[in-house]
Amino acid sequence: MPLFKRLRAAWRPLKEARPGKRFEAFHESRKAQRTGRPWRFLFIAGGISLVVVGLILVPAPGPGWLVVFAGAGLIAQESLVFARSLDAMELRVRGWIPGGRKARQRR
């Protein structure tokens, strides 16, 4: 399967999940698919690396925050605490955005 099709297939559960529970649900689905400790370590190390690189890139023009969020997503796949933190942060950010309050109220 080509890379972009795999990425779209992996993105779909995150996109379709309920706001405020999407990262926790994604974590649980990844937990069922886990193949071993080395992969868990690699996902966490890769996520931390992306967060650090993204924070370095934030002041420069470009996708700094996008890289930070991608790294946070990788960490959330392997850490339930981090997944729940991202869910809470998502609801807080949605409260700041017009129209985002509806999603928060549905929770």
PDB file of N, CA and C in Angstrom:
ATOM      1  N   MET A   1       0.849  -1.175   0.000  1.00  0.00           N
ATOM      2  CA  MET A   1       0.000   0.000   0.000  1.00  0.00           C
ATOM      3  C   MET A   1       0.898   1.243   0.000  1.00  0.00           C
ATOM      4  N   PRO A   2       0.634   2.190  -0.877  1.00  0.00           N
ATOM      5  CA  PRO A   2       1.446   3.410  -0.916  1.00  0.00           C
ATOM      6  C   PRO A   2       1.374   4.180   0.397  1.00  0.00           C
ATOM      7  N   LEU A   3       2.398   4.949   0.650  1.00  0.00           N
ATOM      8  CA  LEU A   3       2.536   5.677   1.908  1.00  0.00           C
ATOM      9  C   LEU A   3       1.352   6.597   2.193  1.00  0.00           C
ATOM     10  N   PHE A   4       0.924   7.373   1.194  1.00  0.00           N
ATOM     11  CA  PHE A   4      -0.147   8.336   1.440  1.00  0.00           C
ATOM     12  C   PHE A   4      -1.478   7.648   1.728  1.00  0.00           C
ATOM     13  N   LYS A   5      -1.729   6.504   1.141  1.00  0.00           N
ATOM     14  CA  LYS A   5      -2.955   5.766   1.446  1.00  0.00           C
ATOM     15  C   LYS A   5      -2.918   5.249   2.880  1.00  0.00           C
ATOM     16  N   ARG A   6      -1.747   4.797   3.315  1.00  0.00           N
ATOM     17  CA  ARG A   6      -1.616   4.335   4.701  1.00  0.00           C
ATOM     18  C   ARG A   6      -1.805   5.486   5.678  1.00  0.00           C
ATOM     19  N   LEU A   7      -1.240   6.656   5.339  1.00  0.00           N
ATOM     20  CA  LEU A   7      -1.406   7.829   6.211  1.00  0.00           C
ATOM     21  C   LEU A   7      -2.865   8.254   6.296  1.00  0.00           C
ATOM     22  N   ARG A   8      -3.572   8.250   5.161  1.00  0.00           N
ATOM     23  CA  ARG A   8      -4.995   8.601   5.176  1.00  0.00           C
ATOM     24  C   ARG A   8      -5.799   7.599   5.997  1.00  0.00           C
ATOM     25  N   ALA A   9      -5.463   6.321   5.858  1.00  0.00           N
ATOM     26  CA  ALA A   9      -6.171   5.287   6.626  1.00  0.00           C
ATOM     27  C   ALA A   9      -5.901   5.449   8.117  1.00  0.00           C
ATOM     28  N   ALA A  10      -4.694   5.836   8.485  1.00  0.00           N
ATOM     29  CA  ALA A  10      -4.361   6.049   9.897  1.00  0.00           C
ATOM     30  C   ALA A  10      -5.019   7.330  10.428  1.00  0.00           C
ATOM     31  N   TRP A  11      -5.209   8.318   9.585  1.00  0.00           N
ATOM     32  CA  TRP A  11      -5.782   9.608   9.982  1.00  0.00           C
ATOM     33  C   TRP A  11      -7.295   9.513  10.188  1.00  0.00           C
ATOM     34  N   ARG A  12      -7.946   8.641   9.447  1.00  0.00           N
ATOM     35  CA  ARG A  12      -9.407   8.553   9.465  1.00  0.00           C
ATOM     36  C   ARG A  12      -9.981   8.340  10.869  1.00  0.00           C
ATOM     37  N   PRO A  13      -9.480   7.397  11.685  1.00  0.00           N
ATOM     38  CA  PRO A  13     -10.064   7.239  13.031  1.00  0.00           C
ATOM     39  C   PRO A  13      -9.927   8.488  13.897  1.00  0.00           C
ATOM     40  N   LEU A  14      -8.821   9.218  13.742  1.00  0.00           N
ATOM     41  CA  LEU A  14      -8.656  10.463  14.509  1.00  0.00           C
ATOM     42  C   LEU A  14      -9.688  11.499  14.082  1.00  0.00           C
ATOM     43  N   LYS A  15      -9.884  11.604  12.790  1.00  0.00           N
ATOM     44  CA  LYS A  15     -10.798  12.604  12.254  1.00  0.00           C
ATOM     45  C   LYS A  15     -12.249  12.297  12.619  1.00  0.00           C
ATOM     46  N   GLU A  16     -12.613  11.029  12.626  1.00  0.00           N
ATOM     47  CA  GLU A  16     -14.005  10.643  12.842  1.00  0.00           C
ATOM     48  C   GLU A  16     -14.374  10.492  14.321  1.00  0.00           C
ATOM     49  N   ALA A  17     -13.399  10.453  15.196  1.00  0.00           N
ATOM     50  CA  ALA A  17     -13.684  10.261  16.624  1.00  0.00           C
ATOM     51  C   ALA A  17     -14.293  11.523  17.234  1.00  0.00           C
ATOM     52  N   ARG A  18     -14.929  11.343  18.362  1.00  0.00           N
ATOM     53  CA  ARG A  18     -15.591  12.436  19.069  1.00  0.00           C
ATOM     54  C   ARG A  18     -14.559  13.381  19.681  1.00  0.00           C
ATOM     55  N   PRO A  19     -14.725  14.687  19.531  1.00  0.00           N
ATOM     56  CA  PRO A  19     -13.799  15.633  20.155  1.00  0.00           C
ATOM     57  C   PRO A  19     -13.738  15.417  21.663  1.00  0.00           C
ATOM     58  N   GLY A  20     -12.539  15.472  22.193  1.00  0.00           N
ATOM     59  CA  GLY A  20     -12.357  15.262  23.621  1.00  0.00           C
ATOM     60  C   GLY A  20     -12.076  13.815  23.978  1.00  0.00           C
ATOM     61  N   LYS A  21     -12.203  12.923  23.010  1.00  0.00           N
ATOM     62  CA  LYS A  21     -11.914  11.509  23.238  1.00  0.00           C
ATOM     63  C   LYS A  21     -11.113  10.905  22.085  1.00  0.00           C
ATOM     64  N   ARG A  22     -10.791  11.723  21.076  1.00  0.00           N
ATOM     65  CA  ARG A  22     -10.186  11.167  19.871  1.00  0.00           C
ATOM     66  C   ARG A  22      -8.782  10.611  20.106  1.00  0.00           C
ATOM     67  N   PHE A  23      -7.945  11.278  20.871  1.00  0.00           N
ATOM     68  CA  PHE A  23      -6.582  10.783  21.072  1.00  0.00           C
ATOM     69  C   PHE A  23      -6.564   9.557  21.980  1.00  0.00           C
ATOM     70  N   GLU A  24      -7.456   9.540  22.969  1.00  0.00           N
ATOM     71  CA  GLU A  24      -7.551   8.374  23.839  1.00  0.00           C
ATOM     72  C   GLU A  24      -8.039   7.159  23.043  1.00  0.00           C
ATOM     73  N   ALA A  25      -9.026   7.361  22.168  1.00  0.00           N
ATOM     74  CA  ALA A  25      -9.530   6.261  21.339  1.00  0.00           C
ATOM     75  C   ALA A  25      -8.440   5.776  20.374  1.00  0.00           C
ATOM     76  N   PHE A  26      -7.681   6.714  19.825  1.00  0.00           N
ATOM     77  CA  PHE A  26      -6.591   6.336  18.920  1.00  0.00           C
ATOM     78  C   PHE A  26      -5.523   5.553  19.673  1.00  0.00           C
ATOM     79  N   HIS A  27      -5.237   5.974  20.902  1.00  0.00           N
ATOM     80  CA  HIS A  27      -4.271   5.255  21.726  1.00  0.00           C
ATOM     81  C   HIS A  27      -4.735   3.821  21.966  1.00  0.00           C
ATOM     82  N   GLU A  28      -6.017   3.658  22.287  1.00  0.00           N
ATOM     83  CA  GLU A  28      -6.551   2.320  22.547  1.00  0.00           C
ATOM     84  C   GLU A  28      -6.495   1.446  21.296  1.00  0.00           C
ATOM     85  N   SER A  29      -6.788   2.024  20.136  1.00  0.00           N
ATOM     86  CA  SER A  29      -6.715   1.225  18.901  1.00  0.00           C
ATOM     87  C   SER A  29      -5.277   0.838  18.585  1.00  0.00           C
ATOM     88  N   ARG A  30      -4.333   1.736  18.839  1.00  0.00           N
ATOM     89  CA  ARG A  30      -2.917   1.418  18.616  1.00  0.00           C
ATOM     90  C   ARG A  30      -2.440   0.369  19.621  1.00  0.00           C
ATOM     91  N   LYS A  31      -2.976   0.433  20.830  1.00  0.00           N
ATOM     92  CA  LYS A  31      -2.589  -0.525  21.863  1.00  0.00           C
ATOM     93  C   LYS A  31      -2.942  -1.949  21.419  1.00  0.00           C
ATOM     94  N   ALA A  32      -4.071  -2.101  20.739  1.00  0.00           N
ATOM     95  CA  ALA A  32      -4.493  -3.414  20.256  1.00  0.00           C
ATOM     96  C   ALA A  32      -3.599  -3.911  19.117  1.00  0.00           C
ATOM     97  N   GLN A  33      -2.956  -2.991  18.389  1.00  0.00           N
ATOM     98  CA  GLN A  33      -2.124  -3.354  17.232  1.00  0.00           C
ATOM     99  C   GLN A  33      -0.647  -3.485  17.569  1.00  0.00           C
ATOM    100  N   ARG A  34      -0.234  -3.131  18.759  1.00  0.00           N
ATOM    101  CA  ARG A  34       1.192  -3.103  19.108  1.00  0.00           C
ATOM    102  C   ARG A  34       1.862  -4.438  18.866  1.00  0.00           C
ATOM    103  N   THR A  35       3.096  -4.343  18.388  1.00  0.00           N
ATOM    104  CA  THR A  35       3.850  -5.559  18.100  1.00  0.00           C
ATOM    105  C   THR A  35       5.001  -5.786  19.056  1.00  0.00           C
ATOM    106  N   GLY A  36       5.405  -4.799  19.833  1.00  0.00           N
ATOM    107  CA  GLY A  36       6.497  -5.023  20.775  1.00  0.00           C
ATOM    108  C   GLY A  36       7.081  -3.738  21.314  1.00  0.00           C
ATOM    109  N   ARG A  37       7.952  -3.905  22.298  1.00  0.00           N
ATOM    110  CA  ARG A  37       8.574  -2.760  22.965  1.00  0.00           C
ATOM    111  C   ARG A  37       9.461  -1.916  22.055  1.00  0.00           C
ATOM    112  N   PRO A  38      10.240  -2.509  21.164  1.00  0.00           N
ATOM    113  CA  PRO A  38      11.101  -1.649  20.336  1.00  0.00           C
ATOM    114  C   PRO A  38      10.303  -0.608  19.554  1.00  0.00           C
ATOM    115  N   TRP A  39       9.123  -0.982  19.058  1.00  0.00           N
ATOM    116  CA  TRP A  39       8.322  -0.020  18.310  1.00  0.00           C
ATOM    117  C   TRP A  39       7.813   1.082  19.225  1.00  0.00           C
ATOM    118  N   ARG A  40       7.429   0.716  20.429  1.00  0.00           N
ATOM    119  CA  ARG A  40       6.947   1.722  21.381  1.00  0.00           C
ATOM    120  C   ARG A  40       8.042   2.745  21.660  1.00  0.00           C
ATOM    121  N   PHE A  41       9.243   2.253  21.916  1.00  0.00           N
ATOM    122  CA  PHE A  41      10.374   3.142  22.170  1.00  0.00           C
ATOM    123  C   PHE A  41      10.636   4.037  20.964  1.00  0.00           C
ATOM    124  N   LEU A  42      10.587   3.467  19.767  1.00  0.00           N
ATOM    125  CA  LEU A  42      10.856   4.257  18.555  1.00  0.00           C
ATOM    126  C   LEU A  42       9.794   5.337  18.337  1.00  0.00           C
ATOM    127  N   PHE A  43       8.525   5.009  18.602  1.00  0.00           N
ATOM    128  CA  PHE A  43       7.479   6.015  18.444  1.00  0.00           C
ATOM    129  C   PHE A  43       7.657   7.151  19.443  1.00  0.00           C
ATOM    130  N   ILE A  44       7.960   6.832  20.684  1.00  0.00           N
ATOM    131  CA  ILE A  44       8.145   7.878  21.694  1.00  0.00           C
ATOM    132  C   ILE A  44       9.384   8.712  21.386  1.00  0.00           C
ATOM    133  N   ALA A  45      10.493   8.053  21.042  1.00  0.00           N
ATOM    134  CA  ALA A  45      11.723   8.788  20.707  1.00  0.00           C
ATOM    135  C   ALA A  45      11.514   9.655  19.465  1.00  0.00           C
ATOM    136  N   GLY A  46      10.831   9.115  18.469  1.00  0.00           N
ATOM    137  CA  GLY A  46      10.548   9.902  17.263  1.00  0.00           C
ATOM    138  C   GLY A  46       9.642  11.083  17.564  1.00  0.00           C
ATOM    139  N   GLY A  47       8.639  10.870  18.419  1.00  0.00           N
ATOM    140  CA  GLY A  47       7.739  11.957  18.785  1.00  0.00           C
ATOM    141  C   GLY A  47       8.448  13.068  19.539  1.00  0.00           C
ATOM    142  N   ILE A  48       9.302  12.679  20.485  1.00  0.00           N
ATOM    143  CA  ILE A  48      10.069  13.683  21.232  1.00  0.00           C
ATOM    144  C   ILE A  48      10.989  14.449  20.292  1.00  0.00           C
ATOM    145  N   SER A  49      11.611  13.739  19.375  1.00  0.00           N
ATOM    146  CA  SER A  49      12.503  14.396  18.402  1.00  0.00           C
ATOM    147  C   SER A  49      11.736  15.394  17.549  1.00  0.00           C
ATOM    148  N   LEU A  50      10.550  14.994  17.082  1.00  0.00           N
ATOM    149  CA  LEU A  50       9.754  15.912  16.264  1.00  0.00           C
ATOM    150  C   LEU A  50       9.302  17.133  17.055  1.00  0.00           C
ATOM    151  N   VAL A  51       8.932  16.941  18.309  1.00  0.00           N
ATOM    152  CA  VAL A  51       8.518  18.078  19.140  1.00  0.00           C
ATOM    153  C   VAL A  51       9.682  19.056  19.305  1.00  0.00           C
ATOM    154  N   VAL A  52      10.869  18.535  19.587  1.00  0.00           N
ATOM    155  CA  VAL A  52      12.046  19.400  19.771  1.00  0.00           C
ATOM    156  C   VAL A  52      12.365  20.147  18.473  1.00  0.00           C
ATOM    157  N   VAL A  53      12.397  19.422  17.359  1.00  0.00           N
ATOM    158  CA  VAL A  53      12.683  20.065  16.070  1.00  0.00           C
ATOM    159  C   VAL A  53      11.610  21.100  15.745  1.00  0.00           C
ATOM    160  N   GLY A  54      10.352  20.760  15.999  1.00  0.00           N
ATOM    161  CA  GLY A  54       9.269  21.704  15.736  1.00  0.00           C
ATOM    162  C   GLY A  54       9.384  22.970  16.571  1.00  0.00           C
ATOM    163  N   LEU A  55       9.751  22.817  17.848  1.00  0.00           N
ATOM    164  CA  LEU A  55       9.915  24.002  18.699  1.00  0.00           C
ATOM    165  C   LEU A  55      11.066  24.880  18.218  1.00  0.00           C
ATOM    166  N   ILE A  56      12.093  24.253  17.687  1.00  0.00           N
ATOM    167  CA  ILE A  56      13.198  25.028  17.116  1.00  0.00           C
ATOM    168  C   ILE A  56      12.729  25.772  15.864  1.00  0.00           C
ATOM    169  N   LEU A  57      11.846  25.146  15.089  1.00  0.00           N
ATOM    170  CA  LEU A  57      11.364  25.741  13.844  1.00  0.00           C
ATOM    171  C   LEU A  57      10.251  26.772  14.026  1.00  0.00           C
ATOM    172  N   VAL A  58       9.643  26.843  15.204  1.00  0.00           N
ATOM    173  CA  VAL A  58       8.508  27.749  15.414  1.00  0.00           C
ATOM    174  C   VAL A  58       8.848  29.201  15.066  1.00  0.00           C
ATOM    175  N   PRO A  59       9.971  29.761  15.500  1.00  0.00           N
ATOM    176  CA  PRO A  59      10.232  31.161  15.152  1.00  0.00           C
ATOM    177  C   PRO A  59      10.492  31.396  13.662  1.00  0.00           C
ATOM    178  N   ALA A  60      10.960  30.382  12.967  1.00  0.00           N
ATOM    179  CA  ALA A  60      11.239  30.509  11.532  1.00  0.00           C
ATOM    180  C   ALA A  60       9.944  30.355  10.741  1.00  0.00           C
ATOM    181  N   PRO A  61       9.890  30.969   9.559  1.00  0.00           N
ATOM    182  CA  PRO A  61       8.700  30.755   8.729  1.00  0.00           C
ATOM    183  C   PRO A  61       8.651  29.290   8.282  1.00  0.00           C
ATOM    184  N   GLY A  62       7.482  28.732   8.361  1.00  0.00           N
ATOM    185  CA  GLY A  62       7.339  27.335   7.968  1.00  0.00           C
ATOM    186  C   GLY A  62       6.448  26.565   8.913  1.00  0.00           C
ATOM    187  N   PRO A  63       6.481  25.267   8.802  1.00  0.00           N
ATOM    188  CA  PRO A  63       5.515  24.431   9.529  1.00  0.00           C
ATOM    189  C   PRO A  63       5.962  24.005  10.925  1.00  0.00           C
ATOM    190  N   GLY A  64       6.492  24.906  11.726  1.00  0.00           N
ATOM    191  CA  GLY A  64       6.987  24.550  13.061  1.00  0.00           C
ATOM    192  C   GLY A  64       5.932  23.923  13.937  1.00  0.00           C
ATOM    193  N   TRP A  65       4.758  24.565  14.037  1.00  0.00           N
ATOM    194  CA  TRP A  65       3.703  24.029  14.900  1.00  0.00           C
ATOM    195  C   TRP A  65       3.152  22.716  14.359  1.00  0.00           C
ATOM    196  N   LEU A  66       3.110  22.577  13.056  1.00  0.00           N
ATOM    197  CA  LEU A  66       2.649  21.325  12.464  1.00  0.00           C
ATOM    198  C   LEU A  66       3.564  20.168  12.861  1.00  0.00           C
ATOM    199  N   VAL A  67       4.864  20.418  12.884  1.00  0.00           N
ATOM    200  CA  VAL A  67       5.833  19.397  13.285  1.00  0.00           C
ATOM    201  C   VAL A  67       5.675  19.078  14.771  1.00  0.00           C
ATOM    202  N   VAL A  68       5.434  20.095  15.596  1.00  0.00           N
ATOM    203  CA  VAL A  68       5.212  19.875  17.035  1.00  0.00           C
ATOM    204  C   VAL A  68       3.986  18.991  17.247  1.00  0.00           C
ATOM    205  N   PHE A  69       2.887  19.288  16.553  1.00  0.00           N
ATOM    206  CA  PHE A  69       1.661  18.506  16.719  1.00  0.00           C
ATOM    207  C   PHE A  69       1.819  17.085  16.193  1.00  0.00           C
ATOM    208  N   ALA A  70       2.569  16.909  15.129  1.00  0.00           N
ATOM    209  CA  ALA A  70       2.832  15.555  14.622  1.00  0.00           C
ATOM    210  C   ALA A  70       3.617  14.745  15.657  1.00  0.00           C
ATOM    211  N   GLY A  71       4.602  15.357  16.273  1.00  0.00           N
ATOM    212  CA  GLY A  71       5.366  14.686  17.322  1.00  0.00           C
ATOM    213  C   GLY A  71       4.510  14.361  18.532  1.00  0.00           C
ATOM    214  N   ALA A  72       3.635  15.288  18.902  1.00  0.00           N
ATOM    215  CA  ALA A  72       2.734  15.045  20.036  1.00  0.00           C
ATOM    216  C   ALA A  72       1.792  13.886  19.727  1.00  0.00           C
ATOM    217  N   GLY A  73       1.354  13.791  18.478  1.00  0.00           N
ATOM    218  CA  GLY A  73       0.503  12.677  18.080  1.00  0.00           C
ATOM    219  C   GLY A  73       1.210  11.342  18.173  1.00  0.00           C
ATOM    220  N   LEU A  74       2.475  11.319  17.803  1.00  0.00           N
ATOM    221  CA  LEU A  74       3.249  10.082  17.919  1.00  0.00           C
ATOM    222  C   LEU A  74       3.389   9.652  19.381  1.00  0.00           C
ATOM    223  N   ILE A  75       3.648  10.608  20.246  1.00  0.00           N
ATOM    224  CA  ILE A  75       3.781  10.289  21.669  1.00  0.00           C
ATOM    225  C   ILE A  75       2.441   9.811  22.224  1.00  0.00           C
ATOM    226  N   ALA A  76       1.341  10.457  21.802  1.00  0.00           N
ATOM    227  CA  ALA A  76       0.015  10.100  22.300  1.00  0.00           C
ATOM    228  C   ALA A  76      -0.394   8.684  21.900  1.00  0.00           C
ATOM    229  N   GLN A  77       0.157   8.176  20.802  1.00  0.00           N
ATOM    230  CA  GLN A  77      -0.148   6.802  20.405  1.00  0.00           C
ATOM    231  C   GLN A  77       0.321   5.806  21.454  1.00  0.00           C
ATOM    232  N   GLU A  78       1.369   6.153  22.148  1.00  0.00           N
ATOM    233  CA  GLU A  78       1.996   5.214  23.075  1.00  0.00           C
ATOM    234  C   GLU A  78       1.800   5.566  24.541  1.00  0.00           C
ATOM    235  N   SER A  79       1.286   6.752  24.849  1.00  0.00           N
ATOM    236  CA  SER A  79       1.131   7.191  26.233  1.00  0.00           C
ATOM    237  C   SER A  79      -0.312   7.623  26.487  1.00  0.00           C
ATOM    238  N   LEU A  80      -1.006   6.905  27.350  1.00  0.00           N
ATOM    239  CA  LEU A  80      -2.392   7.230  27.664  1.00  0.00           C
ATOM    240  C   LEU A  80      -2.490   8.592  28.355  1.00  0.00           C
ATOM    241  N   VAL A  81      -1.559   8.902  29.224  1.00  0.00           N
ATOM    242  CA  VAL A  81      -1.560  10.196  29.917  1.00  0.00           C
ATOM    243  C   VAL A  81      -1.415  11.330  28.904  1.00  0.00           C
ATOM    244  N   PHE A  82      -0.517  11.164  27.962  1.00  0.00           N
ATOM    245  CA  PHE A  82      -0.304  12.192  26.944  1.00  0.00           C
ATOM    246  C   PHE A  82      -1.533  12.307  26.040  1.00  0.00           C
ATOM    247  N   ALA A  83      -2.153  11.164  25.709  1.00  0.00           N
ATOM    248  CA  ALA A  83      -3.358  11.178  24.875  1.00  0.00           C
ATOM    249  C   ALA A  83      -4.487  11.941  25.571  1.00  0.00           C
ATOM    250  N   ARG A  84      -4.676  11.694  26.852  1.00  0.00           N
ATOM    251  CA  ARG A  84      -5.718  12.403  27.597  1.00  0.00           C
ATOM    252  C   ARG A  84      -5.410  13.893  27.701  1.00  0.00           C
ATOM    253  N   SER A  85      -4.132  14.232  27.817  1.00  0.00           N
ATOM    254  CA  SER A  85      -3.737  15.648  27.862  1.00  0.00           C
ATOM    255  C   SER A  85      -4.052  16.335  26.541  1.00  0.00           C
ATOM    256  N   LEU A  86      -3.792  15.664  25.433  1.00  0.00           N
ATOM    257  CA  LEU A  86      -4.115  16.240  24.126  1.00  0.00           C
ATOM    258  C   LEU A  86      -5.621  16.393  23.946  1.00  0.00           C
ATOM    259  N   ASP A  87      -6.404  15.445  24.453  1.00  0.00           N
ATOM    260  CA  ASP A  87      -7.861  15.573  24.384  1.00  0.00           C
ATOM    261  C   ASP A  87      -8.334  16.795  25.165  1.00  0.00           C
ATOM    262  N   ALA A  88      -7.803  16.993  26.360  1.00  0.00           N
ATOM    263  CA  ALA A  88      -8.178  18.153  27.174  1.00  0.00           C
ATOM    264  C   ALA A  88      -7.761  19.448  26.487  1.00  0.00           C
ATOM    265  N   MET A  89      -6.560  19.449  25.900  1.00  0.00           N
ATOM    266  CA  MET A  89      -6.082  20.642  25.206  1.00  0.00           C
ATOM    267  C   MET A  89      -6.956  20.931  23.972  1.00  0.00           C
ATOM    268  N   GLU A  90      -7.378  19.873  23.277  1.00  0.00           N
ATOM    269  CA  GLU A  90      -8.238  20.070  22.105  1.00  0.00           C
ATOM    270  C   GLU A  90      -9.540  20.765  22.505  1.00  0.00           C
ATOM    271  N   LEU A  91     -10.153  20.317  23.590  1.00  0.00           N
ATOM    272  CA  LEU A  91     -11.400  20.940  24.029  1.00  0.00           C
ATOM    273  C   LEU A  91     -11.194  22.392  24.433  1.00  0.00           C
ATOM    274  N   ARG A  92     -10.078  22.664  25.090  1.00  0.00           N
ATOM    275  CA  ARG A  92      -9.781  24.037  25.499  1.00  0.00           C
ATOM    276  C   ARG A  92      -9.603  24.938  24.271  1.00  0.00           C
ATOM    277  N   VAL A  93      -8.863  24.454  23.273  1.00  0.00           N
ATOM    278  CA  VAL A  93      -8.628  25.247  22.054  1.00  0.00           C
ATOM    279  C   VAL A  93      -9.934  25.418  21.280  1.00  0.00           C
ATOM    280  N   ARG A  94     -10.758  24.372  21.224  1.00  0.00           N
ATOM    281  CA  ARG A  94     -12.045  24.485  20.536  1.00  0.00           C
ATOM    282  C   ARG A  94     -12.943  25.527  21.207  1.00  0.00           C
ATOM    283  N   GLY A  95     -12.784  25.721  22.497  1.00  0.00           N
ATOM    284  CA  GLY A  95     -13.563  26.741  23.198  1.00  0.00           C
ATOM    285  C   GLY A  95     -13.188  28.146  22.774  1.00  0.00           C
ATOM    286  N   TRP A  96     -11.971  28.331  22.307  1.00  0.00           N
ATOM    287  CA  TRP A  96     -11.513  29.650  21.858  1.00  0.00           C
ATOM    288  C   TRP A  96     -11.981  29.962  20.442  1.00  0.00           C
ATOM    289  N   ILE A  97     -12.289  28.921  19.670  1.00  0.00           N
ATOM    290  CA  ILE A  97     -12.627  29.085  18.256  1.00  0.00           C
ATOM    291  C   ILE A  97     -14.137  29.205  18.108  1.00  0.00           C
ATOM    292  N   PRO A  98     -14.610  30.200  17.330  1.00  0.00           N
ATOM    293  CA  PRO A  98     -16.054  30.274  17.095  1.00  0.00           C
ATOM    294  C   PRO A  98     -16.526  28.986  16.415  1.00  0.00           C
ATOM    295  N   GLY A  99     -17.609  28.434  16.892  1.00  0.00           N
ATOM    296  CA  GLY A  99     -18.112  27.173  16.355  1.00  0.00           C
ATOM    297  C   GLY A  99     -17.523  25.971  17.073  1.00  0.00           C
ATOM    298  N   GLY A 100     -16.421  26.141  17.751  1.00  0.00           N
ATOM    299  CA  GLY A 100     -15.802  25.057  18.487  1.00  0.00           C
ATOM    300  C   GLY A 100     -16.521  24.769  19.797  1.00  0.00           C
ATOM    301  N   ARG A 101     -17.265  25.732  20.264  1.00  0.00           N
ATOM    302  CA  ARG A 101     -18.013  25.547  21.512  1.00  0.00           C
ATOM    303  C   ARG A 101     -19.077  24.456  21.365  1.00  0.00           C
ATOM    304  N   LYS A 102     -19.611  24.305  20.152  1.00  0.00           N
ATOM    305  CA  LYS A 102     -20.619  23.271  19.921  1.00  0.00           C
ATOM    306  C   LYS A 102     -20.029  21.895  20.190  1.00  0.00           C
ATOM    307  N   ALA A 103     -18.813  21.670  19.726  1.00  0.00           N
ATOM    308  CA  ALA A 103     -18.161  20.380  19.949  1.00  0.00           C
ATOM    309  C   ALA A 103     -17.895  20.163  21.428  1.00  0.00           C
ATOM    310  N   ARG A 104     -17.550  21.240  22.122  1.00  0.00           N
ATOM    311  CA  ARG A 104     -17.292  21.127  23.553  1.00  0.00           C
ATOM    312  C   ARG A 104     -18.571  20.815  24.318  1.00  0.00           C
ATOM    313  N   GLN A 105     -19.686  21.419  23.891  1.00  0.00           N
ATOM    314  CA  GLN A 105     -20.956  21.172  24.559  1.00  0.00           C
ATOM    315  C   GLN A 105     -21.453  19.753  24.288  1.00  0.00           C
ATOM    316  N   ARG A 106     -21.153  19.201  23.113  1.00  0.00           N
ATOM    317  CA  ARG A 106     -21.573  17.832  22.798  1.00  0.00           C
ATOM    318  C   ARG A 106     -20.904  16.841  23.719  1.00  0.00           C
ATOM    319  N   ARG A 107     -19.734  17.157  24.223  1.00  0.00           N
ATOM    320  CA  ARG A 107     -19.004  16.265  25.108  1.00  0.00           C
ATOM    321  C   ARG A 107     -19.752  16.176  26.400  1.00  0.00           C
TER     322      ARG A 107
END
